[in-house]
């Protein structure tokens, strides 16, 4: 009987852990998407992260969010931009402004202890 209870508790724990903090972020574009021809003109992408008045982001969080964005762009379209997040303006520069409206600080110790928390 104890084995059944332990297995049940482990299964319940796995289900609970996998559901914690699994909601991803969302985004909304302020401009209509570029056509393929328009997008092909751009080779540089500087990224600027800002927060709304109610959100306080430290430099470490801004850097981590920026790296996540860069990593996603590079993994989805590795040859799309020749320079990402380098300050350079010009005709081939597409500027990205990211405004964080809601942000909850993650818990690094919990992420290490239990996968799925954060």
PDB file of N, CA and C in Angstrom:
ATOM      1  N   UNK A   1       0.813  -1.187   0.000  1.00  0.00           N
ATOM      2  CA  UNK A   1       0.000   0.000   0.000  1.00  0.00           C
ATOM      3  C   UNK A   1       0.864   1.262   0.000  1.00  0.00           C
ATOM      4  N   UNK A   2       2.003   1.239   0.691  1.00  0.00           N
ATOM      5  CA  UNK A   2       2.871   2.404   0.715  1.00  0.00           C
ATOM      6  C   UNK A   2       3.463   2.689  -0.652  1.00  0.00           C
ATOM      7  N   UNK A   3       3.786   1.670  -1.420  1.00  0.00           N
ATOM      8  CA  UNK A   3       4.340   1.858  -2.756  1.00  0.00           C
ATOM      9  C   UNK A   3       3.331   2.589  -3.635  1.00  0.00           C
ATOM     10  N   UNK A   4       2.078   2.210  -3.551  1.00  0.00           N
ATOM     11  CA  UNK A   4       1.040   2.885  -4.336  1.00  0.00           C
ATOM     12  C   UNK A   4       0.956   4.361  -3.950  1.00  0.00           C
ATOM     13  N   UNK A   5       1.015   4.661  -2.673  1.00  0.00           N
ATOM     14  CA  UNK A   5       0.935   6.043  -2.213  1.00  0.00           C
ATOM     15  C   UNK A   5       2.143   6.859  -2.666  1.00  0.00           C
ATOM     16  N   UNK A   6       3.310   6.272  -2.624  1.00  0.00           N
ATOM     17  CA  UNK A   6       4.516   6.969  -3.064  1.00  0.00           C
ATOM     18  C   UNK A   6       4.445   7.227  -4.561  1.00  0.00           C
ATOM     19  N   UNK A   7       4.022   6.247  -5.343  1.00  0.00           N
ATOM     20  CA  UNK A   7       3.897   6.438  -6.794  1.00  0.00           C
ATOM     21  C   UNK A   7       2.870   7.515  -7.106  1.00  0.00           C
ATOM     22  N   UNK A   8       1.774   7.492  -6.389  1.00  0.00           N
ATOM     23  CA  UNK A   8       0.731   8.495  -6.612  1.00  0.00           C
ATOM     24  C   UNK A   8       1.249   9.885  -6.278  1.00  0.00           C
ATOM     25  N   UNK A   9       1.961  10.010  -5.192  1.00  0.00           N
ATOM     26  CA  UNK A   9       2.516  11.310  -4.803  1.00  0.00           C
ATOM     27  C   UNK A   9       3.542  11.798  -5.822  1.00  0.00           C
ATOM     28  N   UNK A  10       4.391  10.906  -6.321  1.00  0.00           N
ATOM     29  CA  UNK A  10       5.374  11.286  -7.329  1.00  0.00           C
ATOM     30  C   UNK A  10       4.697  11.733  -8.616  1.00  0.00           C
ATOM     31  N   UNK A  11       3.676  11.019  -9.036  1.00  0.00           N
ATOM     32  CA  UNK A  11       2.946  11.404 -10.245  1.00  0.00           C
ATOM     33  C   UNK A  11       2.289  12.771 -10.063  1.00  0.00           C
ATOM     34  N   UNK A  12       1.675  12.990  -8.924  1.00  0.00           N
ATOM     35  CA  UNK A  12       1.047  14.266  -8.639  1.00  0.00           C
ATOM     36  C   UNK A  12       2.077  15.396  -8.627  1.00  0.00           C
ATOM     37  N   UNK A  13       3.237  15.143  -8.047  1.00  0.00           N
ATOM     38  CA  UNK A  13       4.301  16.140  -8.001  1.00  0.00           C
ATOM     39  C   UNK A  13       4.771  16.502  -9.410  1.00  0.00           C
ATOM     40  N   UNK A  14       4.955  15.499 -10.262  1.00  0.00           N
ATOM     41  CA  UNK A  14       5.386  15.744 -11.639  1.00  0.00           C
ATOM     42  C   UNK A  14       4.359  16.580 -12.383  1.00  0.00           C
ATOM     43  N   UNK A  15       3.086  16.269 -12.214  1.00  0.00           N
ATOM     44  CA  UNK A  15       2.026  17.022 -12.885  1.00  0.00           C
ATOM     45  C   UNK A  15       2.016  18.469 -12.403  1.00  0.00           C
ATOM     46  N   UNK A  16       2.158  18.673 -11.109  1.00  0.00           N
ATOM     47  CA  UNK A  16       2.155  20.031 -10.568  1.00  0.00           C
ATOM     48  C   UNK A  16       3.368  20.834 -11.028  1.00  0.00           C
ATOM     49  N   UNK A  17       4.518  20.206 -11.029  1.00  0.00           N
ATOM     50  CA  UNK A  17       5.739  20.902 -11.432  1.00  0.00           C
ATOM     51  C   UNK A  17       5.687  21.289 -12.898  1.00  0.00           C
ATOM     52  N   UNK A  18       5.194  20.404 -13.738  1.00  0.00           N
ATOM     53  CA  UNK A  18       5.182  20.699 -15.165  1.00  0.00           C
ATOM     54  C   UNK A  18       4.232  21.829 -15.501  1.00  0.00           C
ATOM     55  N   UNK A  19       3.262  22.108 -14.658  1.00  0.00           N
ATOM     56  CA  UNK A  19       2.314  23.181 -14.936  1.00  0.00           C
ATOM     57  C   UNK A  19       2.720  24.516 -14.350  1.00  0.00           C
ATOM     58  N   UNK A  20       3.667  24.557 -13.442  1.00  0.00           N
ATOM     59  CA  UNK A  20       4.052  25.797 -12.785  1.00  0.00           C
ATOM     60  C   UNK A  20       4.841  26.690 -13.735  1.00  0.00           C
ATOM     61  N   UNK A  21       4.458  27.932 -13.785  1.00  0.00           N
ATOM     62  CA  UNK A  21       5.184  28.954 -14.557  1.00  0.00           C
ATOM     63  C   UNK A  21       5.398  28.554 -16.002  1.00  0.00           C
ATOM     64  N   UNK A  22       4.457  27.827 -16.566  1.00  0.00           N
ATOM     65  CA  UNK A  22       4.631  27.402 -17.953  1.00  0.00           C
ATOM     66  C   UNK A  22       4.002  28.367 -18.936  1.00  0.00           C
ATOM     67  N   UNK A  23       3.387  29.430 -18.460  1.00  0.00           N
ATOM     68  CA  UNK A  23       2.780  30.399 -19.347  1.00  0.00           C
ATOM     69  C   UNK A  23       3.869  31.266 -19.955  1.00  0.00           C
ATOM     70  N   UNK A  24       3.915  31.281 -21.258  1.00  0.00           N
ATOM     71  CA  UNK A  24       4.925  32.075 -21.939  1.00  0.00           C
ATOM     72  C   UNK A  24       4.476  33.515 -22.082  1.00  0.00           C
ATOM     73  N   UNK A  25       5.388  34.366 -22.476  1.00  0.00           N
ATOM     74  CA  UNK A  25       5.059  35.764 -22.704  1.00  0.00           C
ATOM     75  C   UNK A  25       4.251  35.920 -23.979  1.00  0.00           C
ATOM     76  N   UNK A  26       3.705  37.075 -24.138  1.00  0.00           N
ATOM     77  CA  UNK A  26       2.962  37.373 -25.347  1.00  0.00           C
ATOM     78  C   UNK A  26       3.471  38.687 -25.912  1.00  0.00           C
ATOM     79  N   UNK A  27       3.143  38.946 -27.152  1.00  0.00           N
ATOM     80  CA  UNK A  27       3.569  40.188 -27.764  1.00  0.00           C
ATOM     81  C   UNK A  27       2.479  40.709 -28.686  1.00  0.00           C
ATOM     82  N   UNK A  28       2.568  41.990 -28.946  1.00  0.00           N
ATOM     83  CA  UNK A  28       1.641  42.632 -29.861  1.00  0.00           C
ATOM     84  C   UNK A  28       2.440  43.633 -30.673  1.00  0.00           C
ATOM     85  N   UNK A  29       2.379  43.514 -31.973  1.00  0.00           N
ATOM     86  CA  UNK A  29       3.105  44.422 -32.845  1.00  0.00           C
ATOM     87  C   UNK A  29       2.316  45.717 -33.003  1.00  0.00           C
ATOM     88  N   UNK A  30       3.013  46.834 -32.933  1.00  0.00           N
ATOM     89  CA  UNK A  30       2.375  48.138 -33.105  1.00  0.00           C
ATOM     90  C   UNK A  30       2.290  48.538 -34.574  1.00  0.00           C
ATOM     91  N   UNK A  31       3.009  47.862 -35.410  1.00  0.00           N
ATOM     92  CA  UNK A  31       3.013  48.133 -36.844  1.00  0.00           C
ATOM     93  C   UNK A  31       2.620  46.868 -37.589  1.00  0.00           C
ATOM     94  N   UNK A  32       2.040  46.990 -38.780  1.00  0.00           N
ATOM     95  CA  UNK A  32       1.738  45.780 -39.547  1.00  0.00           C
ATOM     96  C   UNK A  32       3.034  45.074 -39.949  1.00  0.00           C
ATOM     97  N   UNK A  33       2.984  43.759 -40.092  1.00  0.00           N
ATOM     98  CA  UNK A  33       4.202  43.019 -40.474  1.00  0.00           C
ATOM     99  C   UNK A  33       4.741  43.481 -41.824  1.00  0.00           C
ATOM    100  N   UNK A  34       6.043  43.395 -41.962  1.00  0.00           N
ATOM    101  CA  UNK A  34       6.680  43.751 -43.227  1.00  0.00           C
ATOM    102  C   UNK A  34       6.495  42.628 -44.237  1.00  0.00           C
ATOM    103  N   UNK A  35       6.407  42.994 -45.489  1.00  0.00           N
ATOM    104  CA  UNK A  35       6.382  41.975 -46.541  1.00  0.00           C
ATOM    105  C   UNK A  35       7.790  41.403 -46.675  1.00  0.00           C
ATOM    106  N   UNK A  36       7.920  40.304 -47.368  1.00  0.00           N
ATOM    107  CA  UNK A  36       9.239  39.675 -47.555  1.00  0.00           C
ATOM    108  C   UNK A  36      10.199  40.622 -48.271  1.00  0.00           C
ATOM    109  N   UNK A  37       9.686  41.357 -49.243  1.00  0.00           N
ATOM    110  CA  UNK A  37      10.526  42.302 -49.991  1.00  0.00           C
ATOM    111  C   UNK A  37      10.996  43.445 -49.089  1.00  0.00           C
ATOM    112  N   UNK A  38      10.088  43.969 -48.251  1.00  0.00           N
ATOM    113  CA  UNK A  38      10.465  45.045 -47.338  1.00  0.00           C
ATOM    114  C   UNK A  38      11.473  44.552 -46.306  1.00  0.00           C
ATOM    115  N   UNK A  39      11.246  43.380 -45.744  1.00  0.00           N
ATOM    116  CA  UNK A  39      12.120  42.837 -44.711  1.00  0.00           C
ATOM    117  C   UNK A  39      13.514  42.544 -45.246  1.00  0.00           C
ATOM    118  N   UNK A  40      13.631  42.194 -46.502  1.00  0.00           N
ATOM    119  CA  UNK A  40      14.928  41.849 -47.090  1.00  0.00           C
ATOM    120  C   UNK A  40      15.877  43.047 -47.131  1.00  0.00           C
ATOM    121  N   UNK A  41      15.350  44.258 -47.041  1.00  0.00           N
ATOM    122  CA  UNK A  41      16.190  45.468 -47.069  1.00  0.00           C
ATOM    123  C   UNK A  41      17.041  45.604 -45.819  1.00  0.00           C
ATOM    124  N   UNK A  42      16.612  45.000 -44.717  1.00  0.00           N
ATOM    125  CA  UNK A  42      17.240  45.234 -43.417  1.00  0.00           C
ATOM    126  C   UNK A  42      18.231  44.129 -43.061  1.00  0.00           C
ATOM    127  N   UNK A  43      19.416  44.555 -42.604  1.00  0.00           N
ATOM    128  CA  UNK A  43      20.426  43.572 -42.195  1.00  0.00           C
ATOM    129  C   UNK A  43      20.890  43.789 -40.747  1.00  0.00           C
ATOM    130  N   UNK A  44      20.487  44.895 -40.142  1.00  0.00           N
ATOM    131  CA  UNK A  44      20.895  45.202 -38.768  1.00  0.00           C
ATOM    132  C   UNK A  44      19.654  45.359 -37.901  1.00  0.00           C
ATOM    133  N   UNK A  45      19.749  44.877 -36.663  1.00  0.00           N
ATOM    134  CA  UNK A  45      18.606  44.932 -35.751  1.00  0.00           C
ATOM    135  C   UNK A  45      19.057  45.318 -34.343  1.00  0.00           C
ATOM    136  N   UNK A  46      19.055  46.622 -34.023  1.00  0.00           N
ATOM    137  CA  UNK A  46      19.292  46.989 -32.631  1.00  0.00           C
ATOM    138  C   UNK A  46      18.015  46.761 -31.821  1.00  0.00           C
ATOM    139  N   UNK A  47      18.153  46.233 -30.605  1.00  0.00           N
ATOM    140  CA  UNK A  47      17.005  45.924 -29.748  1.00  0.00           C
ATOM    141  C   UNK A  47      17.084  46.792 -28.499  1.00  0.00           C
ATOM    142  N   UNK A  48      15.997  47.491 -28.206  1.00  0.00           N
ATOM    143  CA  UNK A  48      15.932  48.323 -27.010  1.00  0.00           C
ATOM    144  C   UNK A  48      14.794  47.816 -26.144  1.00  0.00           C
ATOM    145  N   UNK A  49      15.104  47.565 -24.871  1.00  0.00           N
ATOM    146  CA  UNK A  49      14.113  47.076 -23.911  1.00  0.00           C
ATOM    147  C   UNK A  49      13.742  48.224 -22.977  1.00  0.00           C
ATOM    148  N   UNK A  50      12.436  48.470 -22.842  1.00  0.00           N
ATOM    149  CA  UNK A  50      11.937  49.458 -21.899  1.00  0.00           C
ATOM    150  C   UNK A  50      10.856  48.805 -21.056  1.00  0.00           C
ATOM    151  N   UNK A  51      10.574  49.435 -19.919  1.00  0.00           N
ATOM    152  CA  UNK A  51       9.486  48.931 -19.082  1.00  0.00           C
ATOM    153  C   UNK A  51       8.461  50.032 -18.902  1.00  0.00           C
ATOM    154  N   UNK A  52       7.209  49.611 -18.720  1.00  0.00           N
ATOM    155  CA  UNK A  52       6.157  50.589 -18.456  1.00  0.00           C
ATOM    156  C   UNK A  52       6.346  51.135 -17.055  1.00  0.00           C
ATOM    157  N   UNK A  53       5.570  52.131 -16.682  1.00  0.00           N
ATOM    158  CA  UNK A  53       5.743  52.800 -15.399  1.00  0.00           C
ATOM    159  C   UNK A  53       5.603  51.910 -14.186  1.00  0.00           C
ATOM    160  N   UNK A  54       4.841  50.841 -14.277  1.00  0.00           N
ATOM    161  CA  UNK A  54       4.600  49.995 -13.105  1.00  0.00           C
ATOM    162  C   UNK A  54       5.596  48.847 -12.974  1.00  0.00           C
ATOM    163  N   UNK A  55       6.424  48.639 -13.968  1.00  0.00           N
ATOM    164  CA  UNK A  55       7.363  47.512 -13.967  1.00  0.00           C
ATOM    165  C   UNK A  55       8.778  48.030 -13.710  1.00  0.00           C
ATOM    166  N   UNK A  56       9.445  47.428 -12.752  1.00  0.00           N
ATOM    167  CA  UNK A  56      10.836  47.778 -12.463  1.00  0.00           C
ATOM    168  C   UNK A  56      11.737  46.636 -12.901  1.00  0.00           C
ATOM    169  N   UNK A  57      12.574  46.902 -13.890  1.00  0.00           N
ATOM    170  CA  UNK A  57      13.518  45.901 -14.383  1.00  0.00           C
ATOM    171  C   UNK A  57      14.932  46.337 -14.053  1.00  0.00           C
ATOM    172  N   UNK A  58      15.717  45.422 -13.508  1.00  0.00           N
ATOM    173  CA  UNK A  58      17.125  45.737 -13.287  1.00  0.00           C
ATOM    174  C   UNK A  58      17.913  45.401 -14.553  1.00  0.00           C
ATOM    175  N   UNK A  59      19.145  45.830 -14.606  1.00  0.00           N
ATOM    176  CA  UNK A  59      19.968  45.629 -15.804  1.00  0.00           C
ATOM    177  C   UNK A  59      20.187  44.148 -16.111  1.00  0.00           C
ATOM    178  N   UNK A  60      20.278  43.337 -15.081  1.00  0.00           N
ATOM    179  CA  UNK A  60      20.457  41.898 -15.285  1.00  0.00           C
ATOM    180  C   UNK A  60      19.248  41.295 -16.001  1.00  0.00           C
ATOM    181  N   UNK A  61      18.042  41.686 -15.587  1.00  0.00           N
ATOM    182  CA  UNK A  61      16.829  41.187 -16.222  1.00  0.00           C
ATOM    183  C   UNK A  61      16.720  41.672 -17.658  1.00  0.00           C
ATOM    184  N   UNK A  62      17.050  42.939 -17.885  1.00  0.00           N
ATOM    185  CA  UNK A  62      17.015  43.479 -19.248  1.00  0.00           C
ATOM    186  C   UNK A  62      17.996  42.720 -20.139  1.00  0.00           C
ATOM    187  N   UNK A  63      19.187  42.461 -19.631  1.00  0.00           N
ATOM    188  CA  UNK A  63      20.176  41.704 -20.400  1.00  0.00           C
ATOM    189  C   UNK A  63      19.714  40.290 -20.699  1.00  0.00           C
ATOM    190  N   UNK A  64      19.091  39.638 -19.710  1.00  0.00           N
ATOM    191  CA  UNK A  64      18.602  38.273 -19.913  1.00  0.00           C
ATOM    192  C   UNK A  64      17.478  38.237 -20.949  1.00  0.00           C
ATOM    193  N   UNK A  65      16.554  39.189 -20.874  1.00  0.00           N
ATOM    194  CA  UNK A  65      15.454  39.251 -21.840  1.00  0.00           C
ATOM    195  C   UNK A  65      15.994  39.528 -23.239  1.00  0.00           C
ATOM    196  N   UNK A  66      16.947  40.441 -23.338  1.00  0.00           N
ATOM    197  CA  UNK A  66      17.557  40.751 -24.636  1.00  0.00           C
ATOM    198  C   UNK A  66      18.226  39.518 -25.227  1.00  0.00           C
ATOM    199  N   UNK A  67      18.960  38.773 -24.408  1.00  0.00           N
ATOM    200  CA  UNK A  67      19.621  37.564 -24.902  1.00  0.00           C
ATOM    201  C   UNK A  67      18.614  36.500 -25.338  1.00  0.00           C
ATOM    202  N   UNK A  68      17.483  36.394 -24.634  1.00  0.00           N
ATOM    203  CA  UNK A  68      16.442  35.452 -25.050  1.00  0.00           C
ATOM    204  C   UNK A  68      15.878  35.835 -26.412  1.00  0.00           C
ATOM    205  N   UNK A  69      15.647  37.121 -26.622  1.00  0.00           N
ATOM    206  CA  UNK A  69      15.131  37.588 -27.909  1.00  0.00           C
ATOM    207  C   UNK A  69      16.138  37.302 -29.016  1.00  0.00           C
ATOM    208  N   UNK A  70      17.394  37.647 -28.779  1.00  0.00           N
ATOM    209  CA  UNK A  70      18.442  37.406 -29.780  1.00  0.00           C
ATOM    210  C   UNK A  70      18.565  35.916 -30.076  1.00  0.00           C
ATOM    211  N   UNK A  71      18.549  35.096 -29.037  1.00  0.00           N
ATOM    212  CA  UNK A  71      18.643  33.641 -29.233  1.00  0.00           C
ATOM    213  C   UNK A  71      17.488  33.097 -30.059  1.00  0.00           C
ATOM    214  N   UNK A  72      16.275  33.585 -29.811  1.00  0.00           N
ATOM    215  CA  UNK A  72      15.123  33.128 -30.588  1.00  0.00           C
ATOM    216  C   UNK A  72      15.225  33.555 -32.042  1.00  0.00           C
ATOM    217  N   UNK A  73      15.670  34.773 -32.286  1.00  0.00           N
ATOM    218  CA  UNK A  73      15.835  35.238 -33.672  1.00  0.00           C
ATOM    219  C   UNK A  73      16.884  34.398 -34.378  1.00  0.00           C
ATOM    220  N   UNK A  74      18.011  34.173 -33.721  1.00  0.00           N
ATOM    221  CA  UNK A  74      19.093  33.417 -34.350  1.00  0.00           C
ATOM    222  C   UNK A  74      18.724  31.952 -34.568  1.00  0.00           C
ATOM    223  N   UNK A  75      17.922  31.379 -33.684  1.00  0.00           N
ATOM    224  CA  UNK A  75      17.559  29.976 -33.880  1.00  0.00           C
ATOM    225  C   UNK A  75      16.485  29.826 -34.958  1.00  0.00           C
ATOM    226  N   UNK A  76      15.595  30.805 -35.062  1.00  0.00           N
ATOM    227  CA  UNK A  76      14.544  30.731 -36.082  1.00  0.00           C
ATOM    228  C   UNK A  76      15.053  31.104 -37.468  1.00  0.00           C
ATOM    229  N   UNK A  77      15.876  32.136 -37.548  1.00  0.00           N
ATOM    230  CA  UNK A  77      16.360  32.629 -38.841  1.00  0.00           C
ATOM    231  C   UNK A  77      17.809  33.054 -38.678  1.00  0.00           C
ATOM    232  N   UNK A  78      18.699  32.111 -38.664  1.00  0.00           N
ATOM    233  CA  UNK A  78      20.094  32.369 -38.314  1.00  0.00           C
ATOM    234  C   UNK A  78      20.802  33.320 -39.279  1.00  0.00           C
ATOM    235  N   UNK A  79      20.378  33.397 -40.527  1.00  0.00           N
ATOM    236  CA  UNK A  79      21.048  34.261 -41.494  1.00  0.00           C
ATOM    237  C   UNK A  79      20.260  35.530 -41.793  1.00  0.00           C
ATOM    238  N   UNK A  80      19.207  35.788 -41.045  1.00  0.00           N
ATOM    239  CA  UNK A  80      18.321  36.922 -41.336  1.00  0.00           C
ATOM    240  C   UNK A  80      19.015  38.271 -41.155  1.00  0.00           C
ATOM    241  N   UNK A  81      19.711  38.480 -40.054  1.00  0.00           N
ATOM    242  CA  UNK A  81      20.396  39.746 -39.776  1.00  0.00           C
ATOM    243  C   UNK A  81      21.888  39.497 -39.635  1.00  0.00           C
ATOM    244  N   UNK A  82      22.689  40.403 -40.187  1.00  0.00           N
ATOM    245  CA  UNK A  82      24.141  40.275 -40.045  1.00  0.00           C
ATOM    246  C   UNK A  82      24.615  40.810 -38.705  1.00  0.00           C
ATOM    247  N   UNK A  83      23.886  41.786 -38.161  1.00  0.00           N
ATOM    248  CA  UNK A  83      24.248  42.363 -36.856  1.00  0.00           C
ATOM    249  C   UNK A  83      22.987  42.531 -36.030  1.00  0.00           C
ATOM    250  N   UNK A  84      22.991  41.937 -34.853  1.00  0.00           N
ATOM    251  CA  UNK A  84      21.860  42.078 -33.937  1.00  0.00           C
ATOM    252  C   UNK A  84      22.361  42.748 -32.666  1.00  0.00           C
ATOM    253  N   UNK A  85      21.657  43.794 -32.273  1.00  0.00           N
ATOM    254  CA  UNK A  85      21.904  44.541 -31.044  1.00  0.00           C
ATOM    255  C   UNK A  85      23.239  45.272 -31.035  1.00  0.00           C
ATOM    256  N   UNK A  86      23.656  45.758 -32.174  1.00  0.00           N
ATOM    257  CA  UNK A  86      24.810  46.645 -32.278  1.00  0.00           C
ATOM    258  C   UNK A  86      24.277  48.002 -32.698  1.00  0.00           C
ATOM    259  N   UNK A  87      24.672  49.035 -31.986  1.00  0.00           N
ATOM    260  CA  UNK A  87      24.175  50.374 -32.297  1.00  0.00           C
ATOM    261  C   UNK A  87      24.748  50.847 -33.633  1.00  0.00           C
ATOM    262  N   UNK A  88      23.920  50.848 -34.623  1.00  0.00           N
ATOM    263  CA  UNK A  88      24.307  51.397 -35.913  1.00  0.00           C
ATOM    264  C   UNK A  88      23.029  51.754 -36.659  1.00  0.00           C
ATOM    265  N   UNK A  89      22.937  52.976 -37.066  1.00  0.00           N
ATOM    266  CA  UNK A  89      21.761  53.424 -37.792  1.00  0.00           C
ATOM    267  C   UNK A  89      22.096  53.539 -39.269  1.00  0.00           C
ATOM    268  N   UNK A  90      21.093  53.519 -40.064  1.00  0.00           N
ATOM    269  CA  UNK A  90      21.273  53.634 -41.504  1.00  0.00           C
ATOM    270  C   UNK A  90      20.071  53.050 -42.222  1.00  0.00           C
ATOM    271  N   UNK A  91      20.177  53.026 -43.526  1.00  0.00           N
ATOM    272  CA  UNK A  91      19.061  52.540 -44.349  1.00  0.00           C
ATOM    273  C   UNK A  91      18.773  51.055 -44.149  1.00  0.00           C
ATOM    274  N   UNK A  92      19.762  50.286 -43.704  1.00  0.00           N
ATOM    275  CA  UNK A  92      19.569  48.842 -43.554  1.00  0.00           C
ATOM    276  C   UNK A  92      19.300  48.441 -42.105  1.00  0.00           C
ATOM    277  N   UNK A  93      18.932  49.421 -41.261  1.00  0.00           N
ATOM    278  CA  UNK A  93      18.694  49.148 -39.842  1.00  0.00           C
ATOM    279  C   UNK A  93      17.200  49.121 -39.543  1.00  0.00           C
ATOM    280  N   UNK A  94      16.779  48.045 -38.944  1.00  0.00           N
ATOM    281  CA  UNK A  94      15.404  47.901 -38.462  1.00  0.00           C
ATOM    282  C   UNK A  94      15.468  47.948 -36.948  1.00  0.00           C
ATOM    283  N   UNK A  95      14.844  48.956 -36.338  1.00  0.00           N
ATOM    284  CA  UNK A  95      14.922  49.119 -34.895  1.00  0.00           C
ATOM    285  C   UNK A  95      13.782  48.375 -34.211  1.00  0.00           C
ATOM    286  N   UNK A  96      14.114  47.649 -33.136  1.00  0.00           N
ATOM    287  CA  UNK A  96      13.104  46.928 -32.360  1.00  0.00           C
ATOM    288  C   UNK A  96      13.020  47.549 -30.971  1.00  0.00           C
ATOM    289  N   UNK A  97      11.824  47.996 -30.610  1.00  0.00           N
ATOM    290  CA  UNK A  97      11.571  48.536 -29.284  1.00  0.00           C
ATOM    291  C   UNK A  97      10.626  47.576 -28.579  1.00  0.00           C
ATOM    292  N   UNK A  98      11.092  47.024 -27.458  1.00  0.00           N
ATOM    293  CA  UNK A  98      10.300  46.079 -26.678  1.00  0.00           C
ATOM    294  C   UNK A  98       9.918  46.769 -25.374  1.00  0.00           C
ATOM    295  N   UNK A  99       8.602  46.868 -25.127  1.00  0.00           N
ATOM    296  CA  UNK A  99       8.116  47.488 -23.897  1.00  0.00           C
ATOM    297  C   UNK A  99       7.514  46.399 -23.025  1.00  0.00           C
ATOM    298  N   UNK A 100       8.071  46.222 -21.832  1.00  0.00           N
ATOM    299  CA  UNK A 100       7.597  45.209 -20.897  1.00  0.00           C
ATOM    300  C   UNK A 100       6.491  45.834 -20.049  1.00  0.00           C
ATOM    301  N   UNK A 101       5.289  45.272 -20.144  1.00  0.00           N
ATOM    302  CA  UNK A 101       4.150  45.807 -19.394  1.00  0.00           C
ATOM    303  C   UNK A 101       3.868  45.021 -18.124  1.00  0.00           C
ATOM    304  N   UNK A 102       4.232  43.752 -18.090  1.00  0.00           N
ATOM    305  CA  UNK A 102       4.009  42.917 -16.911  1.00  0.00           C
ATOM    306  C   UNK A 102       5.210  41.995 -16.768  1.00  0.00           C
ATOM    307  N   UNK A 103       5.766  41.947 -15.573  1.00  0.00           N
ATOM    308  CA  UNK A 103       6.953  41.133 -15.357  1.00  0.00           C
ATOM    309  C   UNK A 103       6.996  40.698 -13.899  1.00  0.00           C
ATOM    310  N   UNK A 104       7.194  39.421 -13.686  1.00  0.00           N
ATOM    311  CA  UNK A 104       7.354  38.888 -12.340  1.00  0.00           C
ATOM    312  C   UNK A 104       8.748  38.307 -12.239  1.00  0.00           C
ATOM    313  N   UNK A 105       9.483  38.761 -11.246  1.00  0.00           N
ATOM    314  CA  UNK A 105      10.853  38.299 -11.050  1.00  0.00           C
ATOM    315  C   UNK A 105      10.863  36.798 -10.798  1.00  0.00           C
ATOM    316  N   UNK A 106      11.766  36.113 -11.452  1.00  0.00           N
ATOM    317  CA  UNK A 106      11.847  34.668 -11.286  1.00  0.00           C
ATOM    318  C   UNK A 106      12.691  34.319 -10.065  1.00  0.00           C
ATOM    319  N   UNK A 107      12.604  33.059  -9.676  1.00  0.00           N
ATOM    320  CA  UNK A 107      13.341  32.569  -8.524  1.00  0.00           C
ATOM    321  C   UNK A 107      14.362  31.556  -9.021  1.00  0.00           C
ATOM    322  N   UNK A 108      15.622  31.947  -9.068  1.00  0.00           N
ATOM    323  CA  UNK A 108      16.671  31.077  -9.611  1.00  0.00           C
ATOM    324  C   UNK A 108      16.835  29.804  -8.792  1.00  0.00           C
ATOM    325  N   UNK A 109      16.723  29.904  -7.483  1.00  0.00           N
ATOM    326  CA  UNK A 109      16.864  28.712  -6.639  1.00  0.00           C
ATOM    327  C   UNK A 109      15.750  27.717  -6.931  1.00  0.00           C
ATOM    328  N   UNK A 110      14.535  28.219  -7.136  1.00  0.00           N
ATOM    329  CA  UNK A 110      13.420  27.324  -7.434  1.00  0.00           C
ATOM    330  C   UNK A 110      13.599  26.680  -8.814  1.00  0.00           C
ATOM    331  N   UNK A 111      14.125  27.451  -9.780  1.00  0.00           N
ATOM    332  CA  UNK A 111      14.358  26.875 -11.110  1.00  0.00           C
ATOM    333  C   UNK A 111      15.365  25.741 -11.046  1.00  0.00           C
ATOM    334  N   UNK A 112      16.376  25.912 -10.226  1.00  0.00           N
ATOM    335  CA  UNK A 112      17.389  24.865 -10.082  1.00  0.00           C
ATOM    336  C   UNK A 112      16.819  23.652  -9.353  1.00  0.00           C
ATOM    337  N   UNK A 113      16.012  23.904  -8.347  1.00  0.00           N
ATOM    338  CA  UNK A 113      15.479  22.806  -7.529  1.00  0.00           C
ATOM    339  C   UNK A 113      14.396  22.032  -8.263  1.00  0.00           C
ATOM    340  N   UNK A 114      13.525  22.726  -8.955  1.00  0.00           N
ATOM    341  CA  UNK A 114      12.384  22.083  -9.609  1.00  0.00           C
ATOM    342  C   UNK A 114      12.224  22.608 -11.023  1.00  0.00           C
ATOM    343  N   UNK A 115      12.380  21.775 -11.996  1.00  0.00           N
ATOM    344  CA  UNK A 115      12.211  22.172 -13.384  1.00  0.00           C
ATOM    345  C   UNK A 115      10.791  22.668 -13.604  1.00  0.00           C
ATOM    346  N   UNK A 116      10.673  23.759 -14.350  1.00  0.00           N
ATOM    347  CA  UNK A 116       9.356  24.302 -14.649  1.00  0.00           C
ATOM    348  C   UNK A 116       8.981  25.499 -13.820  1.00  0.00           C
ATOM    349  N   UNK A 117       9.692  25.718 -12.726  1.00  0.00           N
ATOM    350  CA  UNK A 117       9.395  26.908 -11.925  1.00  0.00           C
ATOM    351  C   UNK A 117      10.195  28.082 -12.463  1.00  0.00           C
ATOM    352  N   UNK A 118       9.704  29.244 -12.308  1.00  0.00           N
ATOM    353  CA  UNK A 118      10.506  30.376 -12.737  1.00  0.00           C
ATOM    354  C   UNK A 118       9.735  31.593 -12.812  1.00  0.00           C
TER     355      UNK A 118
END
